[in-house]
C-alpha atoms as a PDB file:
ATOM      1  CA  MET A   1       0.000   0.000   0.000  1.00  0.00           C
ATOM      2  CA  ILE A   2       1.229   3.485  -0.883  1.00  0.00           C
ATOM      3  CA  THR A   3       0.028   6.401   1.220  1.00  0.00           C
ATOM      4  CA  LEU A   4       0.661  10.102   0.659  1.00  0.00           C
ATOM      5  CA  LYS A   5      -0.356  12.587   3.351  1.00  0.00           C
ATOM      6  CA  SER A   6      -0.295  16.347   2.717  1.00  0.00           C
ATOM      7  CA  VAL A   7       2.632  16.022   0.295  1.00  0.00           C
ATOM      8  CA  SER A   8       4.058  19.182  -1.233  1.00  0.00           C
ATOM      9  CA  LYS A   9       7.113  19.641  -3.431  1.00  0.00           C
ATOM     10  CA  SER A  10       8.930  22.817  -4.443  1.00  0.00           C
ATOM     11  CA  PHE A  11      11.860  23.473  -6.747  1.00  0.00           C
ATOM     12  CA  SER A  12      13.822  26.710  -6.242  1.00  0.00           C
ATOM     13  CA  GLY A  13      10.907  28.216  -4.359  1.00  0.00           C
ATOM     14  CA  ARG A  14       8.328  27.230  -6.989  1.00  0.00           C
ATOM     15  CA  LYS A  15       5.663  24.868  -5.650  1.00  0.00           C
ATOM     16  CA  VAL A  16       5.028  22.015  -8.091  1.00  0.00           C
ATOM     17  CA  LEU A  17       2.798  19.851  -5.886  1.00  0.00           C
ATOM     18  CA  SER A  18       0.579  21.139  -3.108  1.00  0.00           C
ATOM     19  CA  ASP A  19      -1.114  19.178  -0.298  1.00  0.00           C
ATOM     20  CA  ILE A  20      -1.425  15.832  -2.103  1.00  0.00           C
ATOM     21  CA  SER A  21      -3.140  13.115  -0.083  1.00  0.00           C
ATOM     22  CA  LEU A  22      -4.072   9.747  -1.554  1.00  0.00           C
ATOM     23  CA  GLN A  23      -3.859   6.015  -1.035  1.00  0.00           C
ATOM     24  CA  ILE A  24      -3.038   3.355  -3.634  1.00  0.00           C
ATOM     25  CA  ASN A  25      -3.887  -0.221  -2.730  1.00  0.00           C
ATOM     26  CA  PRO A  26      -1.924  -3.320  -3.798  1.00  0.00           C
ATOM     27  CA  GLY A  27      -2.872  -4.550  -7.259  1.00  0.00           C
ATOM     28  CA  GLU A  28      -4.501  -1.307  -8.420  1.00  0.00           C
ATOM     29  CA  PHE A  29      -4.020   0.188 -11.878  1.00  0.00           C
ATOM     30  CA  VAL A  30      -3.941   3.971 -11.488  1.00  0.00           C
ATOM     31  CA  CYS A  31      -3.663   6.606 -14.210  1.00  0.00           C
ATOM     32  CA  ILE A  32      -2.299  10.040 -13.283  1.00  0.00           C
ATOM     33  CA  ILE A  33      -3.384  12.617 -15.838  1.00  0.00           C
ATOM     34  CA  GLY A  34      -3.027  16.350 -16.337  1.00  0.00           C
ATOM     35  CA  ARG A  35      -1.560  18.955 -18.640  1.00  0.00           C
ATOM     36  CA  SER A  36       2.158  19.418 -19.113  1.00  0.00           C
ATOM     37  CA  GLY A  37       3.536  21.005 -15.948  1.00  0.00           C
ATOM     38  CA  ALA A  38       0.662  19.769 -13.756  1.00  0.00           C
ATOM     39  CA  GLY A  39       3.071  17.752 -11.590  1.00  0.00           C
ATOM     40  CA  LYS A  40       2.611  14.212 -12.955  1.00  0.00           C
ATOM     41  CA  SER A  41       6.312  13.405 -13.356  1.00  0.00           C
ATOM     42  CA  THR A  42       7.182  14.927  -9.991  1.00  0.00           C
ATOM     43  CA  LEU A  43       4.543  12.810  -8.280  1.00  0.00           C
ATOM     44  CA  VAL A  44       5.911   9.658  -9.924  1.00  0.00           C
ATOM     45  CA  HIS A  45       9.472  10.522  -8.870  1.00  0.00           C
ATOM     46  CA  LEU A  46       8.380  11.155  -5.278  1.00  0.00           C
ATOM     47  CA  ILE A  47       6.598   7.799  -5.037  1.00  0.00           C
ATOM     48  CA  ALA A  48       9.678   6.092  -6.492  1.00  0.00           C
ATOM     49  CA  GLY A  49      11.880   7.736  -3.873  1.00  0.00           C
ATOM     50  CA  ALA A  50      13.907   9.504  -6.566  1.00  0.00           C
ATOM     51  CA  GLU A  51      12.953  12.890  -5.079  1.00  0.00           C
ATOM     52  CA  GLU A  52      12.345  13.979  -1.491  1.00  0.00           C
ATOM     53  CA  VAL A  53       9.168  15.717  -0.405  1.00  0.00           C
ATOM     54  CA  SER A  54       9.331  19.329   0.740  1.00  0.00           C
ATOM     55  CA  SER A  55       6.628  18.607   3.302  1.00  0.00           C
ATOM     56  CA  GLY A  56       4.247  15.792   4.163  1.00  0.00           C
ATOM     57  CA  THR A  57       4.939  12.051   4.172  1.00  0.00           C
ATOM     58  CA  ILE A  58       5.005   9.136   1.735  1.00  0.00           C
ATOM     59  CA  ALA A  59       4.812   5.600   3.109  1.00  0.00           C
ATOM     60  CA  VAL A  60       5.191   2.300   1.265  1.00  0.00           C
ATOM     61  CA  ASP A  61       3.855  -0.684   3.182  1.00  0.00           C
ATOM     62  CA  GLY A  62       3.810   1.482   6.277  1.00  0.00           C
ATOM     63  CA  VAL A  63       7.462   2.557   5.920  1.00  0.00           C
ATOM     64  CA  LYS A  64       7.949   6.331   5.632  1.00  0.00           C
ATOM     65  CA  LEU A  65      10.428   7.046   2.857  1.00  0.00           C
ATOM     66  CA  HIS A  66      12.035  10.038   4.567  1.00  0.00           C
ATOM     67  CA  ALA A  67      12.691   8.083   7.758  1.00  0.00           C
ATOM     68  CA  ILE A  68      14.618   5.052   6.489  1.00  0.00           C
ATOM     69  CA  PRO A  69      18.430   4.849   6.147  1.00  0.00           C
ATOM     70  CA  PRO A  70      20.118   4.792   2.707  1.00  0.00           C
ATOM     71  CA  MET A  71      20.716   1.016   2.738  1.00  0.00           C
ATOM     72  CA  ALA A  72      17.057   0.313   3.472  1.00  0.00           C
ATOM     73  CA  MET A  73      16.068   2.787   0.759  1.00  0.00           C
ATOM     74  CA  ARG A  74      18.155   0.872  -1.778  1.00  0.00           C
ATOM     75  CA  LEU A  75      16.409  -2.352  -0.777  1.00  0.00           C
ATOM     76  CA  LEU A  76      13.015  -0.683  -1.028  1.00  0.00           C
ATOM     77  CA  ARG A  77      13.777   0.648  -4.499  1.00  0.00           C
ATOM     78  CA  ARG A  78      14.330  -2.919  -5.651  1.00  0.00           C
ATOM     79  CA  ARG A  79      10.617  -3.432  -5.047  1.00  0.00           C
ATOM     80  CA  VAL A  80       9.737  -0.518  -7.317  1.00  0.00           C
ATOM     81  CA  GLY A  81      10.273  -0.447 -11.090  1.00  0.00           C
ATOM     82  CA  ILE A  82      10.242   2.818 -13.010  1.00  0.00           C
ATOM     83  CA  VAL A  83       9.969   3.563 -16.738  1.00  0.00           C
ATOM     84  CA  PHE A  84      10.719   7.031 -18.105  1.00  0.00           C
ATOM     85  CA  GLN A  85       9.337   8.530 -21.318  1.00  0.00           C
ATOM     86  CA  ASP A  86      12.648   8.261 -23.155  1.00  0.00           C
ATOM     87  CA  GLY A  87      13.361   4.833 -21.688  1.00  0.00           C
ATOM     88  CA  LYS A  88      16.822   5.864 -20.438  1.00  0.00           C
ATOM     89  CA  LEU A  89      18.318   2.696 -21.895  1.00  0.00           C
ATOM     90  CA  LEU A  90      22.082   2.357 -21.586  1.00  0.00           C
ATOM     91  CA  SER A  91      23.277   3.109 -25.109  1.00  0.00           C
ATOM     92  CA  HIS A  92      26.372   0.867 -24.991  1.00  0.00           C
ATOM     93  CA  LEU A  93      24.439  -2.214 -23.827  1.00  0.00           C
ATOM     94  CA  THR A  94      22.355  -4.602 -25.928  1.00  0.00           C
ATOM     95  CA  VAL A  95      18.678  -5.280 -25.249  1.00  0.00           C
ATOM     96  CA  ARG A  96      19.616  -8.414 -23.322  1.00  0.00           C
ATOM     97  CA  GLU A  97      22.221  -6.540 -21.285  1.00  0.00           C
ATOM     98  CA  ASN A  98      19.885  -3.630 -20.537  1.00  0.00           C
ATOM     99  CA  ILE A  99      17.219  -6.001 -19.201  1.00  0.00           C
ATOM    100  CA  ALA A 100      19.758  -7.951 -17.141  1.00  0.00           C
ATOM    101  CA  PHE A 101      21.398  -4.850 -15.646  1.00  0.00           C
ATOM    102  CA  PRO A 102      19.211  -4.517 -12.485  1.00  0.00           C
ATOM    103  CA  LEU A 103      19.832  -8.159 -11.598  1.00  0.00           C
ATOM    104  CA  GLU A 104      23.572  -7.724 -12.058  1.00  0.00           C
ATOM    105  CA  VAL A 105      23.519  -4.734  -9.715  1.00  0.00           C
ATOM    106  CA  CYS A 106      21.717  -6.891  -7.160  1.00  0.00           C
ATOM    107  CA  CYS A 107      24.409  -9.604  -7.554  1.00  0.00           C
ATOM    108  CA  ALA A 108      21.953 -12.229  -8.800  1.00  0.00           C
ATOM    109  CA  SER A 109      23.418 -15.520  -9.988  1.00  0.00           C
ATOM    110  CA  ASP A 110      24.317 -15.952 -13.662  1.00  0.00           C
ATOM    111  CA  GLN A 111      21.741 -18.725 -13.907  1.00  0.00           C
ATOM    112  CA  GLU A 112      18.963 -16.528 -12.534  1.00  0.00           C
ATOM    113  CA  ILE A 113      19.956 -13.634 -14.829  1.00  0.00           C
ATOM    114  CA  ARG A 114      19.902 -15.836 -17.932  1.00  0.00           C
ATOM    115  CA  LYS A 115      16.599 -17.444 -17.001  1.00  0.00           C
ATOM    116  CA  ARG A 116      14.752 -14.250 -16.107  1.00  0.00           C
ATOM    117  CA  THR A 117      16.145 -12.226 -19.040  1.00  0.00           C
ATOM    118  CA  SER A 118      15.284 -14.918 -21.594  1.00  0.00           C
ATOM    119  CA  GLU A 119      11.794 -15.253 -20.138  1.00  0.00           C
ATOM    120  CA  LEU A 120      11.102 -11.549 -20.424  1.00  0.00           C
ATOM    121  CA  MET A 121      12.480 -11.249 -23.952  1.00  0.00           C
ATOM    122  CA  ARG A 122      10.054 -13.987 -25.023  1.00  0.00           C
ATOM    123  CA  ASN A 123       7.120 -12.342 -23.223  1.00  0.00           C
ATOM    124  CA  MET A 124       7.978  -8.923 -24.653  1.00  0.00           C
ATOM    125  CA  ASP A 125       8.583 -10.191 -28.197  1.00  0.00           C
ATOM    126  CA  LEU A 126      12.215  -9.046 -28.094  1.00  0.00           C
ATOM    127  CA  VAL A 127      14.041 -12.284 -28.880  1.00  0.00           C
ATOM    128  CA  ASN A 128      15.062 -11.108 -32.353  1.00  0.00           C
ATOM    129  CA  GLN A 129      16.414  -7.847 -30.889  1.00  0.00           C
ATOM    130  CA  ALA A 130      18.357  -9.473 -28.039  1.00  0.00           C
ATOM    131  CA  GLU A 131      21.794  -8.400 -29.322  1.00  0.00           C
ATOM    132  CA  ALA A 132      20.702  -5.064 -30.781  1.00  0.00           C
ATOM    133  CA  LEU A 133      21.839  -1.727 -29.379  1.00  0.00           C
ATOM    134  CA  PRO A 134      19.194   0.885 -28.442  1.00  0.00           C
ATOM    135  CA  TYR A 135      19.923   3.198 -31.395  1.00  0.00           C
ATOM    136  CA  SER A 136      18.677   0.520 -33.813  1.00  0.00           C
ATOM    137  CA  LEU A 137      15.369  -0.141 -32.030  1.00  0.00           C
ATOM    138  CA  SER A 138      11.935   1.184 -32.930  1.00  0.00           C
ATOM    139  CA  GLY A 139       9.999   3.259 -30.403  1.00  0.00           C
ATOM    140  CA  GLY A 140       7.876   0.274 -29.394  1.00  0.00           C
ATOM    141  CA  GLU A 141      10.928  -1.958 -28.974  1.00  0.00           C
ATOM    142  CA  LYS A 142      12.615   0.646 -26.768  1.00  0.00           C
ATOM    143  CA  ALA A 143       9.474   0.937 -24.640  1.00  0.00           C
ATOM    144  CA  ARG A 144       9.165  -2.838 -24.229  1.00  0.00           C
ATOM    145  CA  THR A 145      12.852  -3.102 -23.338  1.00  0.00           C
ATOM    146  CA  ALA A 146      12.479  -0.376 -20.709  1.00  0.00           C
ATOM    147  CA  ILE A 147       9.432  -2.108 -19.210  1.00  0.00           C
ATOM    148  CA  ALA A 148      11.227  -5.469 -19.192  1.00  0.00           C
ATOM    149  CA  ARG A 149      14.161  -3.894 -17.359  1.00  0.00           C
ATOM    150  CA  ALA A 150      11.772  -2.325 -14.829  1.00  0.00           C
ATOM    151  CA  ILE A 151      10.076  -5.621 -13.942  1.00  0.00           C
ATOM    152  CA  VAL A 152      13.026  -8.018 -14.229  1.00  0.00           C
ATOM    153  CA  HIS A 153      13.436  -8.027 -10.435  1.00  0.00           C
ATOM    154  CA  ARG A 154       9.698  -8.668  -9.915  1.00  0.00           C
ATOM    155  CA  PRO A 155       8.775  -5.376  -8.205  1.00  0.00           C
ATOM    156  CA  MET A 156       5.566  -4.928  -6.275  1.00  0.00           C
ATOM    157  CA  VAL A 157       4.978  -1.562  -8.010  1.00  0.00           C
ATOM    158  CA  ILE A 158       5.816  -0.289 -11.487  1.00  0.00           C
ATOM    159  CA  LEU A 159       5.731   3.454 -12.169  1.00  0.00           C
ATOM    160  CA  LEU A 160       5.589   4.712 -15.743  1.00  0.00           C
ATOM    161  CA  ASP A 161       6.087   8.313 -16.828  1.00  0.00           C
ATOM    162  CA  GLU A 162       4.567   8.884 -20.295  1.00  0.00           C
ATOM    163  CA  PRO A 163       5.737   5.520 -21.700  1.00  0.00           C
ATOM    164  CA  THR A 164       3.668   5.959 -24.879  1.00  0.00           C
ATOM    165  CA  GLY A 165       4.543   9.616 -25.460  1.00  0.00           C
ATOM    166  CA  ASN A 166       6.683   8.860 -28.526  1.00  0.00           C
ATOM    167  CA  LEU A 167       4.699   5.918 -29.891  1.00  0.00           C
ATOM    168  CA  ASP A 168       2.130   5.574 -32.643  1.00  0.00           C
ATOM    169  CA  PRO A 169      -1.402   4.317 -31.808  1.00  0.00           C
ATOM    170  CA  GLU A 170      -0.651   0.684 -32.675  1.00  0.00           C
ATOM    171  CA  GLN A 171       2.482   0.623 -30.521  1.00  0.00           C
ATOM    172  CA  SER A 172       0.537   2.279 -27.697  1.00  0.00           C
ATOM    173  CA  LYS A 173      -2.059  -0.520 -27.847  1.00  0.00           C
ATOM    174  CA  GLN A 174       0.714  -3.097 -27.521  1.00  0.00           C
ATOM    175  CA  ILE A 175       2.131  -1.336 -24.465  1.00  0.00           C
ATOM    176  CA  LEU A 176      -1.355  -1.072 -22.963  1.00  0.00           C
ATOM    177  CA  ALA A 177      -1.951  -4.811 -23.358  1.00  0.00           C
ATOM    178  CA  LEU A 178       1.444  -5.480 -21.807  1.00  0.00           C
ATOM    179  CA  LEU A 179       0.706  -3.285 -18.778  1.00  0.00           C
ATOM    180  CA  GLN A 180      -2.685  -4.933 -18.280  1.00  0.00           C
ATOM    181  CA  ARG A 181      -1.001  -8.340 -18.281  1.00  0.00           C
ATOM    182  CA  ILE A 182       1.569  -7.163 -15.733  1.00  0.00           C
ATOM    183  CA  ASN A 183      -1.208  -5.784 -13.523  1.00  0.00           C
ATOM    184  CA  LYS A 184      -3.216  -9.003 -13.839  1.00  0.00           C
ATOM    185  CA  ASP A 185      -0.206 -10.864 -12.453  1.00  0.00           C
ATOM    186  CA  GLY A 186      -0.509  -8.801  -9.270  1.00  0.00           C
ATOM    187  CA  THR A 187       1.812  -5.838  -9.830  1.00  0.00           C
ATOM    188  CA  THR A 188       0.511  -2.396  -8.886  1.00  0.00           C
ATOM    189  CA  VAL A 189       0.722  -0.124 -11.941  1.00  0.00           C
ATOM    190  CA  ILE A 190       0.893   3.672 -11.678  1.00  0.00           C
ATOM    191  CA  LEU A 191       0.840   5.336 -15.075  1.00  0.00           C
ATOM    192  CA  ALA A 192       1.373   9.056 -15.674  1.00  0.00           C
ATOM    193  CA  THR A 193       0.056   9.935 -19.119  1.00  0.00           C
ATOM    194  CA  HIS A 194      -1.657  12.557 -21.259  1.00  0.00           C
ATOM    195  CA  ASP A 195      -2.813   9.876 -23.748  1.00  0.00           C
ATOM    196  CA  ALA A 196      -6.608  10.215 -23.584  1.00  0.00           C
ATOM    197  CA  SER A 197      -7.307   7.163 -25.772  1.00  0.00           C
ATOM    198  CA  LEU A 198      -5.163   4.964 -23.529  1.00  0.00           C
ATOM    199  CA  VAL A 199      -6.977   6.099 -20.378  1.00  0.00           C
ATOM    200  CA  ASP A 200     -10.357   5.674 -22.083  1.00  0.00           C
ATOM    201  CA  SER A 201      -9.410   2.109 -23.029  1.00  0.00           C
ATOM    202  CA  LEU A 202      -8.431   1.240 -19.458  1.00  0.00           C
ATOM    203  CA  GLN A 203     -11.511   2.646 -17.655  1.00  0.00           C
ATOM    204  CA  THR A 204      -9.663   2.351 -14.362  1.00  0.00           C
ATOM    205  CA  ARG A 205      -8.904   4.709 -11.474  1.00  0.00           C
ATOM    206  CA  VAL A 206      -7.939   8.178 -12.669  1.00  0.00           C
ATOM    207  CA  ILE A 207      -6.191  10.857 -10.592  1.00  0.00           C
ATOM    208  CA  SER A 208      -6.221  14.247 -12.286  1.00  0.00           C
ATOM    209  CA  LEU A 209      -3.722  16.978 -11.393  1.00  0.00           C
ATOM    210  CA  GLU A 210      -4.085  20.664 -12.102  1.00  0.00           C
ATOM    211  CA  ASN A 211      -1.567  23.256 -10.916  1.00  0.00           C
ATOM    212  CA  GLY A 212      -0.093  20.720  -8.524  1.00  0.00           C
ATOM    213  CA  ARG A 213      -3.372  19.763  -6.859  1.00  0.00           C
ATOM    214  CA  ILE A 214      -5.698  16.781  -7.204  1.00  0.00           C
ATOM    215  CA  THR A 215      -8.899  17.825  -8.936  1.00  0.00           C
ATOM    216  CA  ARG A 216     -10.333  14.349  -9.467  1.00  0.00           C
ATOM    217  CA  ASP A 217      -9.905  10.849  -8.061  1.00  0.00           C
ATOM    218  CA  SER A 218     -12.430   8.468  -9.560  1.00  0.00           C
ATOM    219  CA  ALA A 219     -12.828   5.583 -11.980  1.00  0.00           C
ATOM    220  CA  GLY A 220     -13.613   6.128 -15.641  1.00  0.00           C
ATOM    221  CA  GLY A 221     -12.088   7.622 -18.759  1.00  0.00           C
ATOM    222  CA  TYR A 222      -9.898  10.638 -19.407  1.00  0.00           C
ATOM    223  CA  ARG A 223     -12.730  13.177 -19.195  1.00  0.00           C
ATOM    224  CA  THR A 224     -15.666  11.199 -17.822  1.00  0.00           C
ATOM    225  CA  ALA A 225     -16.004   9.499 -14.462  1.00  0.00           C
ATOM    226  CA  ARG A 226     -18.208   6.652 -13.363  1.00  0.00           C
ATOM    227  CA  PRO A 227     -19.334   5.771  -9.829  1.00  0.00           C
ATOM    228  CA  GLN A 228     -16.424   4.557  -7.722  1.00  0.00           C
ATOM    229  CA  SER A 229     -16.210   0.834  -7.184  1.00  0.00           C
ATOM    230  CA  HIS A 230     -15.647  -0.896  -3.859  1.00  0.00           C
ATOM    231  CA  LYS A 231     -12.063  -1.473  -4.968  1.00  0.00           C
ATOM    232  CA  LEU A 232     -11.475   2.272  -4.832  1.00  0.00           C
ATOM    233  CA  LEU A 233     -13.495   2.972  -1.725  1.00  0.00           C
ATOM    234  CA  GLY A 234     -12.457  -0.135   0.168  1.00  0.00           C
ATOM    235  CA  ASP A 235     -14.709  -3.082   0.912  1.00  0.00           C
ATOM    236  CA  LEU A 236     -17.728  -1.517   2.489  1.00  0.00           C
ATOM    237  CA  PRO A 237     -19.187  -3.740   5.216  1.00  0.00           C
ATOM    238  CA  THR A 238     -22.838  -4.651   4.883  1.00  0.00           C
ATOM    239  CA  PRO A 239     -24.704  -3.037   7.742  1.00  0.00           C
ATOM    240  CA  PRO A 240     -26.251  -5.577  10.115  1.00  0.00           C
ATOM    241  CA  PRO A 241     -30.003  -5.949   9.837  1.00  0.00           C
ATOM    242  CA  ASP A 242     -32.178  -4.136  12.322  1.00  0.00           C
ATOM    243  CA  GLU A 243     -33.197  -7.117  14.410  1.00  0.00           C
ATOM    244  CA  THR A 244     -35.977  -5.205  16.096  1.00  0.00           C
ATOM    245  CA  ALA A 245     -37.506  -4.602  12.682  1.00  0.00           C
ATOM    246  CA  LEU A 246     -37.631  -8.356  12.095  1.00  0.00           C
ATOM    247  CA  GLU A 247     -39.424  -9.181  15.344  1.00  0.00           C
ATOM    248  CA  PRO A 248     -43.186  -9.623  15.056  1.00  0.00           C
ATOM    249  CA  LYS A 249     -44.951  -6.643  16.425  1.00  0.00           C
ATOM    250  CA  PRO A 250     -47.484  -7.375  19.195  1.00  0.00           C
ATOM    251  CA  ARG A 251     -51.056  -7.136  18.079  1.00  0.00           C
ATOM    252  CA  THR A 252     -53.078  -4.487  19.868  1.00  0.00           C
ATOM    253  CA  ARG A 253     -56.683  -5.023  20.702  1.00  0.00           C
ATOM    254  CA  LYS A 254     -59.008  -2.106  20.197  1.00  0.00           C
ATOM    255  CA  VAL A 255     -61.402  -1.522  23.086  1.00  0.00           C
ATOM    256  CA  ARG A 256     -64.595   0.431  22.578  1.00  0.00           C
ATOM    257  CA  VAL A 257     -65.437   2.646  25.528  1.00  0.00           C
ATOM    258  CA  THR A 258     -69.089   3.371  26.127  1.00  0.00           C
ATOM    259  CA  SER A 259     -70.158   6.020  28.567  1.00  0.00           C
ATOM    260  CA  ILE A 260     -72.602   4.906  31.298  1.00  0.00           C
ATOM    261  CA  ASN A 261     -75.097   7.393  32.568  1.00  0.00           C
ATOM    262  CA  ALA A 262     -75.588   7.211  36.286  1.00  0.00           C
END
């Protein structure tokens, strides 16, 4: 579970996010939308622990990010995958090497690295590009490689900042299907995007930012909301029945009073 309480963020005195409070439950698929400069990327970076809040708190599984030591923060970041708009692939590494890189940093065994990397290249349709360098990849191939690298260590959360920003509609559909599959496997997905068609296709929880503030938090499409589901509101307990209402009411006997003249 990810919880933000009264989170604000400023850069050089300019407030980018103001008083953000929200909760994201395990297994949710959340879209963060808003115009350029609304604070989407900053919010993603704060949740990932890549930036520190100016005020307020962010907690992941009950652990406040600002209160844990650097070593614990590094361990926590292994449970979070992040994908940037430009992918940030390492230009001198092949597709296979880019995907394997997080596992190598974590000192995983060679056997585990080979197994997990090969598995993801098959799932992401990247087998034919395994030895290719990033400069030779299409936009969709770069995006799939970046996503594969982000989930290679099986994170509990994957954060994506405009992953379809440079893709054509067909490539965007492929990425959407991929993210839905990842979410179905149990990973929490938090997607910052301005792609209205993508959000409309998902019909999931949408958090809208405007001038650094939340203006909407509801399920639906990019511009239209639908009633929130129990998944968003939490499982609402069924109120117990009013037992007194179920008990048979005593029957009253009407008595006719007749006056008697003395």
